[in-house]
N, C-alpha and C. Protein backbone atom coordinates (compact mmCIF):
# COMPACT_ATOMS: atom_id res chain seq x y z
N MET A 1 -21.43 73.92 170.91
CA MET A 1 -22.62 73.40 170.26
C MET A 1 -23.13 72.24 171.10
N ASN A 2 -24.42 72.23 171.37
CA ASN A 2 -24.98 71.17 172.20
C ASN A 2 -25.24 69.91 171.38
N ASN A 3 -25.68 68.85 172.07
CA ASN A 3 -25.87 67.58 171.38
C ASN A 3 -27.00 67.63 170.36
N LYS A 4 -28.03 68.40 170.62
CA LYS A 4 -29.12 68.51 169.65
C LYS A 4 -28.62 69.13 168.35
N GLY A 5 -27.81 70.15 168.48
CA GLY A 5 -27.25 70.81 167.30
C GLY A 5 -26.35 69.88 166.51
N LYS A 6 -25.55 69.10 167.22
CA LYS A 6 -24.66 68.14 166.55
C LYS A 6 -25.47 67.06 165.86
N GLY A 7 -26.52 66.60 166.52
CA GLY A 7 -27.38 65.57 165.93
C GLY A 7 -28.08 66.07 164.68
N LEU A 8 -28.57 67.29 164.74
CA LEU A 8 -29.23 67.89 163.58
C LEU A 8 -28.25 68.07 162.43
N LEU A 9 -27.06 68.50 162.75
CA LEU A 9 -26.03 68.67 161.73
C LEU A 9 -25.67 67.33 161.10
N ALA A 10 -25.55 66.29 161.92
CA ALA A 10 -25.26 64.95 161.39
C ALA A 10 -26.40 64.46 160.50
N LEU A 11 -27.63 64.70 160.92
CA LEU A 11 -28.79 64.29 160.13
C LEU A 11 -28.82 65.02 158.79
N LEU A 12 -28.51 66.29 158.79
CA LEU A 12 -28.45 67.05 157.55
C LEU A 12 -27.35 66.52 156.63
N GLY A 13 -26.23 66.14 157.21
CA GLY A 13 -25.13 65.57 156.43
C GLY A 13 -25.52 64.26 155.78
N VAL A 14 -26.20 63.40 156.53
CA VAL A 14 -26.66 62.12 155.99
C VAL A 14 -27.69 62.37 154.88
N ALA A 15 -28.60 63.30 155.10
CA ALA A 15 -29.62 63.61 154.09
C ALA A 15 -28.99 64.15 152.81
N ALA A 16 -28.00 65.02 152.96
CA ALA A 16 -27.31 65.57 151.79
C ALA A 16 -26.58 64.46 151.03
N GLY A 17 -25.95 63.55 151.76
CA GLY A 17 -25.27 62.43 151.12
C GLY A 17 -26.23 61.52 150.38
N ALA A 18 -27.38 61.24 151.00
CA ALA A 18 -28.39 60.40 150.36
C ALA A 18 -28.93 61.08 149.11
N PHE A 19 -29.17 62.39 149.18
CA PHE A 19 -29.66 63.12 148.02
C PHE A 19 -28.63 63.10 146.89
N ALA A 20 -27.36 63.30 147.23
CA ALA A 20 -26.30 63.29 146.22
C ALA A 20 -26.20 61.91 145.57
N PHE A 21 -26.31 60.84 146.37
CA PHE A 21 -26.27 59.48 145.83
C PHE A 21 -27.44 59.26 144.88
N TRP A 22 -28.63 59.67 145.29
CA TRP A 22 -29.82 59.50 144.45
C TRP A 22 -29.68 60.29 143.15
N LYS A 23 -29.18 61.52 143.28
CA LYS A 23 -29.01 62.38 142.11
C LYS A 23 -28.01 61.76 141.13
N TYR A 24 -26.90 61.21 141.66
CA TYR A 24 -25.88 60.60 140.80
C TYR A 24 -26.45 59.37 140.10
N LYS A 25 -27.19 58.56 140.83
CA LYS A 25 -27.76 57.35 140.23
C LYS A 25 -28.74 57.67 139.12
N ASN A 26 -29.39 58.83 139.17
CA ASN A 26 -30.37 59.20 138.15
C ASN A 26 -29.78 60.05 137.02
N MET A 27 -28.47 60.26 137.03
CA MET A 27 -27.83 61.03 135.96
C MET A 27 -27.68 60.17 134.71
N SER A 28 -27.64 60.84 133.58
CA SER A 28 -27.36 60.14 132.33
C SER A 28 -25.86 59.80 132.30
N PRO A 29 -25.47 58.84 131.47
CA PRO A 29 -24.04 58.52 131.37
C PRO A 29 -23.18 59.73 130.97
N GLN A 30 -23.72 60.60 130.14
CA GLN A 30 -22.97 61.79 129.74
C GLN A 30 -22.76 62.73 130.92
N GLU A 31 -23.80 62.90 131.74
CA GLU A 31 -23.68 63.76 132.91
C GLU A 31 -22.69 63.17 133.91
N LYS A 32 -22.72 61.85 134.08
CA LYS A 32 -21.76 61.19 134.98
C LYS A 32 -20.33 61.41 134.48
N GLN A 33 -20.13 61.29 133.17
CA GLN A 33 -18.79 61.48 132.61
C GLN A 33 -18.33 62.92 132.80
N ARG A 34 -19.23 63.89 132.59
CA ARG A 34 -18.87 65.29 132.83
C ARG A 34 -18.48 65.53 134.28
N LEU A 35 -19.22 64.92 135.20
CA LEU A 35 -18.91 65.06 136.62
C LEU A 35 -17.54 64.44 136.94
N LYS A 36 -17.28 63.26 136.39
CA LYS A 36 -15.98 62.61 136.61
C LYS A 36 -14.84 63.43 136.02
N ASP A 37 -15.07 63.98 134.81
CA ASP A 37 -14.04 64.82 134.19
C ASP A 37 -13.76 66.07 135.02
N LYS A 38 -14.82 66.68 135.54
CA LYS A 38 -14.66 67.88 136.37
C LYS A 38 -13.89 67.55 137.64
N ALA A 39 -14.20 66.40 138.25
CA ALA A 39 -13.49 65.99 139.46
C ALA A 39 -12.02 65.72 139.16
N SER A 40 -11.75 65.09 138.02
CA SER A 40 -10.36 64.82 137.63
C SER A 40 -9.60 66.10 137.38
N GLU A 41 -10.23 67.06 136.69
CA GLU A 41 -9.60 68.34 136.40
C GLU A 41 -9.32 69.10 137.69
N THR A 42 -10.27 69.08 138.60
CA THR A 42 -10.07 69.76 139.88
C THR A 42 -8.92 69.11 140.65
N GLY A 43 -8.87 67.80 140.65
CA GLY A 43 -7.77 67.09 141.32
C GLY A 43 -6.42 67.43 140.71
N ARG A 44 -6.39 67.53 139.38
CA ARG A 44 -5.14 67.87 138.69
C ARG A 44 -4.69 69.27 139.07
N LYS A 45 -5.64 70.21 139.12
CA LYS A 45 -5.30 71.59 139.48
C LYS A 45 -4.79 71.67 140.92
N ILE A 46 -5.42 70.94 141.81
CA ILE A 46 -4.98 70.94 143.21
C ILE A 46 -3.57 70.37 143.31
N LYS A 47 -3.31 69.30 142.58
CA LYS A 47 -1.98 68.69 142.60
C LYS A 47 -0.92 69.67 142.10
N GLU A 48 -1.24 70.40 141.02
CA GLU A 48 -0.30 71.39 140.49
C GLU A 48 -0.02 72.49 141.51
N LYS A 49 -1.07 72.97 142.18
CA LYS A 49 -0.89 74.02 143.18
C LYS A 49 -0.04 73.54 144.35
N VAL A 50 -0.27 72.29 144.77
CA VAL A 50 0.52 71.73 145.86
C VAL A 50 1.98 71.64 145.45
N GLU A 51 2.24 71.23 144.22
CA GLU A 51 3.63 71.16 143.75
C GLU A 51 4.27 72.55 143.71
N ASP A 52 3.50 73.56 143.27
CA ASP A 52 4.02 74.93 143.24
C ASP A 52 4.36 75.42 144.65
N VAL A 53 3.47 75.17 145.58
CA VAL A 53 3.70 75.59 146.96
C VAL A 53 4.91 74.85 147.54
N GLU A 54 5.01 73.56 147.23
CA GLU A 54 6.14 72.77 147.73
C GLU A 54 7.46 73.33 147.19
N GLU A 55 7.50 73.69 145.90
CA GLU A 55 8.71 74.26 145.32
C GLU A 55 9.05 75.60 145.98
N THR A 56 8.06 76.42 146.20
CA THR A 56 8.28 77.72 146.83
C THR A 56 8.83 77.56 148.25
N ILE A 57 8.22 76.67 149.01
CA ILE A 57 8.67 76.44 150.38
C ILE A 57 10.08 75.88 150.39
N SER A 58 10.36 74.95 149.47
CA SER A 58 11.69 74.36 149.40
C SER A 58 12.73 75.43 149.06
N GLY A 59 12.40 76.31 148.11
CA GLY A 59 13.32 77.38 147.74
C GLY A 59 13.57 78.33 148.90
N LYS A 60 12.52 78.71 149.60
CA LYS A 60 12.67 79.62 150.76
C LYS A 60 13.49 78.95 151.86
N TYR A 61 13.28 77.65 152.07
CA TYR A 61 14.03 76.92 153.08
C TYR A 61 15.51 76.91 152.73
N ASP A 62 15.82 76.64 151.45
CA ASP A 62 17.22 76.62 151.03
C ASP A 62 17.87 77.99 151.21
N GLN A 63 17.13 79.07 150.87
CA GLN A 63 17.66 80.42 151.06
C GLN A 63 17.94 80.69 152.53
N LEU A 64 17.02 80.32 153.38
CA LEU A 64 17.17 80.55 154.81
C LEU A 64 18.34 79.73 155.37
N LYS A 65 18.46 78.49 154.92
CA LYS A 65 19.55 77.63 155.37
C LYS A 65 20.90 78.21 154.95
N ASN A 66 21.00 78.66 153.70
CA ASN A 66 22.26 79.24 153.22
C ASN A 66 22.58 80.54 153.95
N SER A 67 21.56 81.33 154.21
CA SER A 67 21.77 82.57 154.95
C SER A 67 22.26 82.28 156.37
N ALA A 68 21.69 81.28 157.00
CA ALA A 68 22.11 80.91 158.36
C ALA A 68 23.54 80.40 158.36
N LYS A 69 23.90 79.61 157.36
CA LYS A 69 25.29 79.12 157.27
C LYS A 69 26.26 80.27 157.09
N LYS A 70 25.88 81.24 156.23
CA LYS A 70 26.75 82.39 155.99
C LYS A 70 26.93 83.19 157.27
N GLU A 71 25.84 83.41 158.00
CA GLU A 71 25.92 84.14 159.25
C GLU A 71 26.79 83.40 160.26
N ALA A 72 26.65 82.09 160.31
CA ALA A 72 27.45 81.29 161.25
C ALA A 72 28.93 81.38 160.88
N ASN A 73 29.22 81.33 159.60
CA ASN A 73 30.61 81.43 159.14
C ASN A 73 31.18 82.82 159.44
N ASP A 74 30.36 83.87 159.24
CA ASP A 74 30.80 85.23 159.52
C ASP A 74 31.09 85.41 161.01
N LEU A 75 30.24 84.82 161.85
CA LEU A 75 30.47 84.92 163.30
C LEU A 75 31.68 84.12 163.74
N ALA A 76 31.93 83.00 163.07
CA ALA A 76 33.09 82.17 163.44
C ALA A 76 34.41 82.82 163.05
N ASN A 77 34.37 83.64 162.01
CA ASN A 77 35.61 84.29 161.53
C ASN A 77 35.76 85.59 162.21
């Protein structure tokens, strides 16, 4: 991507951010609270998924480690 494309992309990003800021400032308190609640709920769901993935990876790692130890013991005997 050339510099003109990067500059245009950056300009669009700044414009989108400014629009989002303006839109948020003009929201009613109820709309702001709904947006905050939605963001909190999304964050909670992401955290739960990360914990699930972490548990899965940890379990697979333990299985692999135990399997490797068993193989090493079998080869040593």
